[in-house]
């Protein structure tokens, strides 16, 4: 059970980093005109940056909680 919770946390961190990378790529294209492949606006990529950060932070807390719970279980068994 804890292993699957840990996997969910790690997966969430990866999704958050992917989201951060995608939106960062869009932001780096800010000075490219939309006709040449640049973004039409920067609000969405900037919001995506914030959401990616929150995703990583929340997933890290899931991992930390799973780790703490596992440590408690090991302490109880020993």
PDB file of N, CA and C in Angstrom:
ATOM      1  N   UNK A   1       0.822  -1.191   0.000  1.00  0.00           N
ATOM      2  CA  UNK A   1       0.000   0.000   0.000  1.00  0.00           C
ATOM      3  C   UNK A   1       0.870   1.261   0.000  1.00  0.00           C
ATOM      4  N   UNK A   2       1.856   1.317   0.887  1.00  0.00           N
ATOM      5  CA  UNK A   2       2.712   2.509   0.940  1.00  0.00           C
ATOM      6  C   UNK A   2       3.529   2.663  -0.332  1.00  0.00           C
ATOM      7  N   UNK A   3       3.883   1.513  -0.918  1.00  0.00           N
ATOM      8  CA  UNK A   3       4.626   1.571  -2.175  1.00  0.00           C
ATOM      9  C   UNK A   3       3.821   2.242  -3.266  1.00  0.00           C
ATOM     10  N   UNK A   4       2.529   1.929  -3.331  1.00  0.00           N
ATOM     11  CA  UNK A   4       1.695   2.546  -4.360  1.00  0.00           C
ATOM     12  C   UNK A   4       1.495   4.037  -4.077  1.00  0.00           C
ATOM     13  N   UNK A   5       1.394   4.407  -2.799  1.00  0.00           N
ATOM     14  CA  UNK A   5       1.273   5.826  -2.448  1.00  0.00           C
ATOM     15  C   UNK A   5       2.554   6.553  -2.838  1.00  0.00           C
ATOM     16  N   UNK A   6       3.684   5.933  -2.588  1.00  0.00           N
ATOM     17  CA  UNK A   6       4.966   6.526  -2.958  1.00  0.00           C
ATOM     18  C   UNK A   6       5.046   6.687  -4.481  1.00  0.00           C
ATOM     19  N   UNK A   7       4.580   5.681  -5.220  1.00  0.00           N
ATOM     20  CA  UNK A   7       4.586   5.766  -6.683  1.00  0.00           C
ATOM     21  C   UNK A   7       3.693   6.896  -7.183  1.00  0.00           C
ATOM     22  N   UNK A   8       2.539   7.082  -6.549  1.00  0.00           N
ATOM     23  CA  UNK A   8       1.652   8.180  -6.918  1.00  0.00           C
ATOM     24  C   UNK A   8       2.354   9.521  -6.686  1.00  0.00           C
ATOM     25  N   UNK A   9       3.051   9.643  -5.580  1.00  0.00           N
ATOM     26  CA  UNK A   9       3.784  10.877  -5.289  1.00  0.00           C
ATOM     27  C   UNK A   9       4.874  11.148  -6.308  1.00  0.00           C
ATOM     28  N   UNK A  10       5.633  10.131  -6.632  1.00  0.00           N
ATOM     29  CA  UNK A  10       6.721  10.285  -7.613  1.00  0.00           C
ATOM     30  C   UNK A  10       6.139  10.632  -8.982  1.00  0.00           C
ATOM     31  N   UNK A  11       5.060   9.976  -9.344  1.00  0.00           N
ATOM     32  CA  UNK A  11       4.392  10.264 -10.616  1.00  0.00           C
ATOM     33  C   UNK A  11       3.891  11.711 -10.652  1.00  0.00           C
ATOM     34  N   UNK A  12       3.357  12.174  -9.537  1.00  0.00           N
ATOM     35  CA  UNK A  12       2.894  13.556  -9.453  1.00  0.00           C
ATOM     36  C   UNK A  12       4.025  14.552  -9.601  1.00  0.00           C
ATOM     37  N   UNK A  13       5.155  14.260  -8.992  1.00  0.00           N
ATOM     38  CA  UNK A  13       6.326  15.135  -9.135  1.00  0.00           C
ATOM     39  C   UNK A  13       6.744  15.187 -10.602  1.00  0.00           C
ATOM     40  N   UNK A  14       6.763  14.043 -11.252  1.00  0.00           N
ATOM     41  CA  UNK A  14       7.158  14.002 -12.664  1.00  0.00           C
ATOM     42  C   UNK A  14       6.185  14.800 -13.532  1.00  0.00           C
ATOM     43  N   UNK A  15       4.877  14.652 -13.276  1.00  0.00           N
ATOM     44  CA  UNK A  15       3.886  15.417 -14.039  1.00  0.00           C
ATOM     45  C   UNK A  15       4.074  16.924 -13.805  1.00  0.00           C
ATOM     46  N   UNK A  16       4.362  17.298 -12.577  1.00  0.00           N
ATOM     47  CA  UNK A  16       4.597  18.715 -12.274  1.00  0.00           C
ATOM     48  C   UNK A  16       5.804  19.261 -13.010  1.00  0.00           C
ATOM     49  N   UNK A  17       6.890  18.497 -13.025  1.00  0.00           N
ATOM     50  CA  UNK A  17       8.085  18.933 -13.750  1.00  0.00           C
ATOM     51  C   UNK A  17       7.825  19.003 -15.245  1.00  0.00           C
ATOM     52  N   UNK A  18       7.064  18.051 -15.771  1.00  0.00           N
ATOM     53  CA  UNK A  18       6.722  18.087 -17.195  1.00  0.00           C
ATOM     54  C   UNK A  18       5.925  19.351 -17.521  1.00  0.00           C
ATOM     55  N   UNK A  19       4.979  19.679 -16.659  1.00  0.00           N
ATOM     56  CA  UNK A  19       4.167  20.875 -16.842  1.00  0.00           C
ATOM     57  C   UNK A  19       5.048  22.129 -16.784  1.00  0.00           C
ATOM     58  N   UNK A  20       5.977  22.158 -15.840  1.00  0.00           N
ATOM     59  CA  UNK A  20       6.900  23.290 -15.738  1.00  0.00           C
ATOM     60  C   UNK A  20       7.755  23.424 -16.994  1.00  0.00           C
ATOM     61  N   UNK A  21       8.246  22.315 -17.505  1.00  0.00           N
ATOM     62  CA  UNK A  21       9.086  22.351 -18.708  1.00  0.00           C
ATOM     63  C   UNK A  21       8.312  22.819 -19.932  1.00  0.00           C
ATOM     64  N   UNK A  22       7.080  22.305 -20.103  1.00  0.00           N
ATOM     65  CA  UNK A  22       6.270  22.715 -21.263  1.00  0.00           C
ATOM     66  C   UNK A  22       5.981  24.218 -21.226  1.00  0.00           C
ATOM     67  N   UNK A  23       5.561  24.706 -20.071  1.00  0.00           N
ATOM     68  CA  UNK A  23       5.212  26.122 -19.979  1.00  0.00           C
ATOM     69  C   UNK A  23       6.460  27.005 -20.078  1.00  0.00           C
ATOM     70  N   UNK A  24       7.576  26.529 -19.556  1.00  0.00           N
ATOM     71  CA  UNK A  24       8.821  27.302 -19.676  1.00  0.00           C
ATOM     72  C   UNK A  24       9.233  27.433 -21.139  1.00  0.00           C
ATOM     73  N   UNK A  25       9.031  26.384 -21.902  1.00  0.00           N
ATOM     74  CA  UNK A  25       9.341  26.436 -23.341  1.00  0.00           C
ATOM     75  C   UNK A  25       8.478  27.494 -24.032  1.00  0.00           C
ATOM     76  N   UNK A  26       7.212  27.575 -23.654  1.00  0.00           N
ATOM     77  CA  UNK A  26       6.332  28.586 -24.242  1.00  0.00           C
ATOM     78  C   UNK A  26       6.771  29.990 -23.843  1.00  0.00           C
ATOM     79  N   UNK A  27       7.183  30.148 -22.608  1.00  0.00           N
ATOM     80  CA  UNK A  27       7.617  31.466 -22.135  1.00  0.00           C
ATOM     81  C   UNK A  27       8.894  31.900 -22.847  1.00  0.00           C
ATOM     82  N   UNK A  28       9.790  30.964 -23.119  1.00  0.00           N
ATOM     83  CA  UNK A  28      11.039  31.326 -23.807  1.00  0.00           C
ATOM     84  C   UNK A  28      10.788  31.780 -25.242  1.00  0.00           C
ATOM     85  N   UNK A  29       9.643  31.428 -25.788  1.00  0.00           N
ATOM     86  CA  UNK A  29       9.297  31.841 -27.149  1.00  0.00           C
ATOM     87  C   UNK A  29       8.558  33.181 -27.174  1.00  0.00           C
ATOM     88  N   UNK A  30       8.549  33.897 -26.062  1.00  0.00           N
ATOM     89  CA  UNK A  30       7.764  35.126 -25.931  1.00  0.00           C
ATOM     90  C   UNK A  30       8.135  36.194 -26.949  1.00  0.00           C
ATOM     91  N   UNK A  31       9.377  36.264 -27.343  1.00  0.00           N
ATOM     92  CA  UNK A  31       9.778  37.315 -28.285  1.00  0.00           C
ATOM     93  C   UNK A  31       9.661  36.876 -29.746  1.00  0.00           C
ATOM     94  N   UNK A  32       9.119  35.677 -29.970  1.00  0.00           N
ATOM     95  CA  UNK A  32       8.885  35.192 -31.332  1.00  0.00           C
ATOM     96  C   UNK A  32       7.445  35.545 -31.705  1.00  0.00           C
ATOM     97  N   UNK A  33       7.239  36.181 -32.838  1.00  0.00           N
ATOM     98  CA  UNK A  33       5.874  36.532 -33.235  1.00  0.00           C
ATOM     99  C   UNK A  33       4.995  35.276 -33.387  1.00  0.00           C
ATOM    100  N   UNK A  34       3.708  35.378 -33.059  1.00  0.00           N
ATOM    101  CA  UNK A  34       2.812  34.226 -33.198  1.00  0.00           C
ATOM    102  C   UNK A  34       2.798  33.636 -34.607  1.00  0.00           C
ATOM    103  N   UNK A  35       2.965  34.477 -35.608  1.00  0.00           N
ATOM    104  CA  UNK A  35       2.983  33.994 -36.992  1.00  0.00           C
ATOM    105  C   UNK A  35       4.175  33.075 -37.250  1.00  0.00           C
ATOM    106  N   UNK A  36       5.210  33.198 -36.426  1.00  0.00           N
ATOM    107  CA  UNK A  36       6.404  32.365 -36.589  1.00  0.00           C
ATOM    108  C   UNK A  36       6.490  31.269 -35.529  1.00  0.00           C
ATOM    109  N   UNK A  37       5.383  31.000 -34.860  1.00  0.00           N
ATOM    110  CA  UNK A  37       5.357  29.904 -33.891  1.00  0.00           C
ATOM    111  C   UNK A  37       5.427  30.312 -32.436  1.00  0.00           C
ATOM    112  N   UNK A  38       5.473  31.599 -32.170  1.00  0.00           N
ATOM    113  CA  UNK A  38       5.506  32.080 -30.795  1.00  0.00           C
ATOM    114  C   UNK A  38       4.122  32.016 -30.166  1.00  0.00           C
ATOM    115  N   UNK A  39       4.055  32.147 -28.860  1.00  0.00           N
ATOM    116  CA  UNK A  39       2.758  32.075 -28.175  1.00  0.00           C
ATOM    117  C   UNK A  39       1.909  33.315 -28.458  1.00  0.00           C
ATOM    118  N   UNK A  40       0.575  33.125 -28.458  1.00  0.00           N
ATOM    119  CA  UNK A  40      -0.339  34.249 -28.652  1.00  0.00           C
ATOM    120  C   UNK A  40      -0.375  35.133 -27.405  1.00  0.00           C
ATOM    121  N   UNK A  41      -0.226  34.510 -26.245  1.00  0.00           N
ATOM    122  CA  UNK A  41      -0.249  35.233 -24.974  1.00  0.00           C
ATOM    123  C   UNK A  41       0.596  34.467 -23.957  1.00  0.00           C
ATOM    124  N   UNK A  42       0.938  35.130 -22.860  1.00  0.00           N
ATOM    125  CA  UNK A  42       1.808  34.510 -21.861  1.00  0.00           C
ATOM    126  C   UNK A  42       1.097  34.198 -20.552  1.00  0.00           C
ATOM    127  N   UNK A  43      -0.167  34.573 -20.444  1.00  0.00           N
ATOM    128  CA  UNK A  43      -0.874  34.338 -19.193  1.00  0.00           C
ATOM    129  C   UNK A  43      -0.986  32.840 -18.906  1.00  0.00           C
ATOM    130  N   UNK A  44      -1.408  32.073 -19.889  1.00  0.00           N
ATOM    131  CA  UNK A  44      -1.581  30.623 -19.671  1.00  0.00           C
ATOM    132  C   UNK A  44      -0.284  29.931 -19.263  1.00  0.00           C
ATOM    133  N   UNK A  45       0.834  30.158 -19.979  1.00  0.00           N
ATOM    134  CA  UNK A  45       2.076  29.511 -19.546  1.00  0.00           C
ATOM    135  C   UNK A  45       2.519  29.930 -18.142  1.00  0.00           C
ATOM    136  N   UNK A  46       2.248  31.177 -17.775  1.00  0.00           N
ATOM    137  CA  UNK A  46       2.643  31.629 -16.443  1.00  0.00           C
ATOM    138  C   UNK A  46       1.771  30.972 -15.369  1.00  0.00           C
ATOM    139  N   UNK A  47       0.487  30.821 -15.653  1.00  0.00           N
ATOM    140  CA  UNK A  47      -0.399  30.113 -14.726  1.00  0.00           C
ATOM    141  C   UNK A  47       0.020  28.650 -14.639  1.00  0.00           C
ATOM    142  N   UNK A  48       0.387  28.061 -15.773  1.00  0.00           N
ATOM    143  CA  UNK A  48       0.858  26.677 -15.788  1.00  0.00           C
ATOM    144  C   UNK A  48       2.115  26.511 -14.938  1.00  0.00           C
ATOM    145  N   UNK A  49       2.969  27.525 -14.914  1.00  0.00           N
ATOM    146  CA  UNK A  49       4.156  27.488 -14.054  1.00  0.00           C
ATOM    147  C   UNK A  49       3.753  27.389 -12.588  1.00  0.00           C
ATOM    148  N   UNK A  50       2.786  28.197 -12.198  1.00  0.00           N
ATOM    149  CA  UNK A  50       2.325  28.161 -10.809  1.00  0.00           C
ATOM    150  C   UNK A  50       1.680  26.818 -10.472  1.00  0.00           C
ATOM    151  N   UNK A  51       0.869  26.305 -11.407  1.00  0.00           N
ATOM    152  CA  UNK A  51       0.214  25.019 -11.169  1.00  0.00           C
ATOM    153  C   UNK A  51       1.235  23.881 -11.111  1.00  0.00           C
ATOM    154  N   UNK A  52       2.244  23.934 -11.969  1.00  0.00           N
ATOM    155  CA  UNK A  52       3.295  22.915 -11.938  1.00  0.00           C
ATOM    156  C   UNK A  52       4.040  22.927 -10.615  1.00  0.00           C
ATOM    157  N   UNK A  53       4.317  24.113 -10.111  1.00  0.00           N
ATOM    158  CA  UNK A  53       4.997  24.251  -8.820  1.00  0.00           C
ATOM    159  C   UNK A  53       4.147  23.655  -7.702  1.00  0.00           C
ATOM    160  N   UNK A  54       2.853  23.977  -7.714  1.00  0.00           N
ATOM    161  CA  UNK A  54       1.949  23.436  -6.689  1.00  0.00           C
ATOM    162  C   UNK A  54       1.867  21.916  -6.793  1.00  0.00           C
ATOM    163  N   UNK A  55       1.830  21.386  -8.024  1.00  0.00           N
ATOM    164  CA  UNK A  55       1.782  19.934  -8.237  1.00  0.00           C
ATOM    165  C   UNK A  55       3.015  19.259  -7.636  1.00  0.00           C
ATOM    166  N   UNK A  56       4.183  19.834  -7.885  1.00  0.00           N
ATOM    167  CA  UNK A  56       5.423  19.263  -7.347  1.00  0.00           C
ATOM    168  C   UNK A  56       5.432  19.331  -5.818  1.00  0.00           C
ATOM    169  N   UNK A  57       5.030  20.466  -5.265  1.00  0.00           N
ATOM    170  CA  UNK A  57       5.016  20.610  -3.808  1.00  0.00           C
ATOM    171  C   UNK A  57       4.040  19.636  -3.148  1.00  0.00           C
ATOM    172  N   UNK A  58       2.849  19.510  -3.707  1.00  0.00           N
ATOM    173  CA  UNK A  58       1.849  18.605  -3.135  1.00  0.00           C
ATOM    174  C   UNK A  58       2.312  17.157  -3.235  1.00  0.00           C
ATOM    175  N   UNK A  59       2.882  16.792  -4.368  1.00  0.00           N
ATOM    176  CA  UNK A  59       3.358  15.425  -4.545  1.00  0.00           C
ATOM    177  C   UNK A  59       4.537  15.123  -3.624  1.00  0.00           C
ATOM    178  N   UNK A  60       5.387  16.113  -3.402  1.00  0.00           N
ATOM    179  CA  UNK A  60       6.505  15.929  -2.470  1.00  0.00           C
ATOM    180  C   UNK A  60       5.984  15.679  -1.054  1.00  0.00           C
ATOM    181  N   UNK A  61       4.888  16.343  -0.690  1.00  0.00           N
ATOM    182  CA  UNK A  61       4.288  16.111   0.626  1.00  0.00           C
ATOM    183  C   UNK A  61       3.710  14.705   0.730  1.00  0.00           C
ATOM    184  N   UNK A  62       3.140  14.206  -0.376  1.00  0.00           N
ATOM    185  CA  UNK A  62       2.643  12.822  -0.393  1.00  0.00           C
ATOM    186  C   UNK A  62       3.802  11.859  -0.157  1.00  0.00           C
ATOM    187  N   UNK A  63       4.912  12.090  -0.847  1.00  0.00           N
ATOM    188  CA  UNK A  63       6.094  11.231  -0.683  1.00  0.00           C
ATOM    189  C   UNK A  63       6.609  11.306   0.751  1.00  0.00           C
ATOM    190  N   UNK A  64       6.693  12.510   1.299  1.00  0.00           N
ATOM    191  CA  UNK A  64       7.183  12.677   2.668  1.00  0.00           C
ATOM    192  C   UNK A  64       6.282  11.970   3.664  1.00  0.00           C
ATOM    193  N   UNK A  65       4.969  12.092   3.491  1.00  0.00           N
ATOM    194  CA  UNK A  65       4.025  11.434   4.399  1.00  0.00           C
ATOM    195  C   UNK A  65       4.146   9.918   4.302  1.00  0.00           C
ATOM    196  N   UNK A  66       4.263   9.393   3.092  1.00  0.00           N
ATOM    197  CA  UNK A  66       4.430   7.947   2.916  1.00  0.00           C
ATOM    198  C   UNK A  66       5.728   7.480   3.569  1.00  0.00           C
ATOM    199  N   UNK A  67       6.783   8.273   3.411  1.00  0.00           N
ATOM    200  CA  UNK A  67       8.068   7.930   4.014  1.00  0.00           C
ATOM    201  C   UNK A  67       7.992   7.949   5.538  1.00  0.00           C
ATOM    202  N   UNK A  68       7.336   8.982   6.079  1.00  0.00           N
ATOM    203  CA  UNK A  68       7.181   9.075   7.535  1.00  0.00           C
ATOM    204  C   UNK A  68       6.361   7.910   8.074  1.00  0.00           C
ATOM    205  N   UNK A  69       5.295   7.555   7.361  1.00  0.00           N
ATOM    206  CA  UNK A  69       4.443   6.437   7.781  1.00  0.00           C
ATOM    207  C   UNK A  69       5.219   5.133   7.740  1.00  0.00           C
ATOM    208  N   UNK A  70       5.992   4.941   6.693  1.00  0.00           N
ATOM    209  CA  UNK A  70       6.800   3.732   6.594  1.00  0.00           C
ATOM    210  C   UNK A  70       7.808   3.681   7.730  1.00  0.00           C
ATOM    211  N   UNK A  71       8.430   4.819   8.034  1.00  0.00           N
ATOM    212  CA  UNK A  71       9.385   4.866   9.144  1.00  0.00           C
ATOM    213  C   UNK A  71       8.719   4.533  10.468  1.00  0.00           C
ATOM    214  N   UNK A  72       7.506   5.014  10.677  1.00  0.00           N
ATOM    215  CA  UNK A  72       6.772   4.713  11.895  1.00  0.00           C
ATOM    216  C   UNK A  72       6.446   3.226  11.977  1.00  0.00           C
ATOM    217  N   UNK A  73       6.029   2.655  10.865  1.00  0.00           N
ATOM    218  CA  UNK A  73       5.710   1.217  10.844  1.00  0.00           C
ATOM    219  C   UNK A  73       6.935   0.373  11.135  1.00  0.00           C
ATOM    220  N   UNK A  74       8.070   0.770  10.582  1.00  0.00           N
ATOM    221  CA  UNK A  74       9.307   0.026  10.821  1.00  0.00           C
ATOM    222  C   UNK A  74       9.690   0.149  12.299  1.00  0.00           C
ATOM    223  N   UNK A  75       9.552   1.336  12.882  1.00  0.00           N
ATOM    224  CA  UNK A  75       9.861   1.529  14.296  1.00  0.00           C
ATOM    225  C   UNK A  75       8.976   0.659  15.183  1.00  0.00           C
ATOM    226  N   UNK A  76       7.718   0.540  14.823  1.00  0.00           N
ATOM    227  CA  UNK A  76       6.779  -0.263  15.614  1.00  0.00           C
ATOM    228  C   UNK A  76       7.142  -1.734  15.532  1.00  0.00           C
ATOM    229  N   UNK A  77       7.541  -2.213  14.351  1.00  0.00           N
ATOM    230  CA  UNK A  77       7.861  -3.624  14.165  1.00  0.00           C
ATOM    231  C   UNK A  77       9.162  -4.007  14.847  1.00  0.00           C
ATOM    232  N   UNK A  78      10.100  -3.108  14.930  1.00  0.00           N
ATOM    233  CA  UNK A  78      11.417  -3.414  15.490  1.00  0.00           C
ATOM    234  C   UNK A  78      11.346  -3.382  16.953  1.00  0.00           C
TER     235      UNK A  78
END
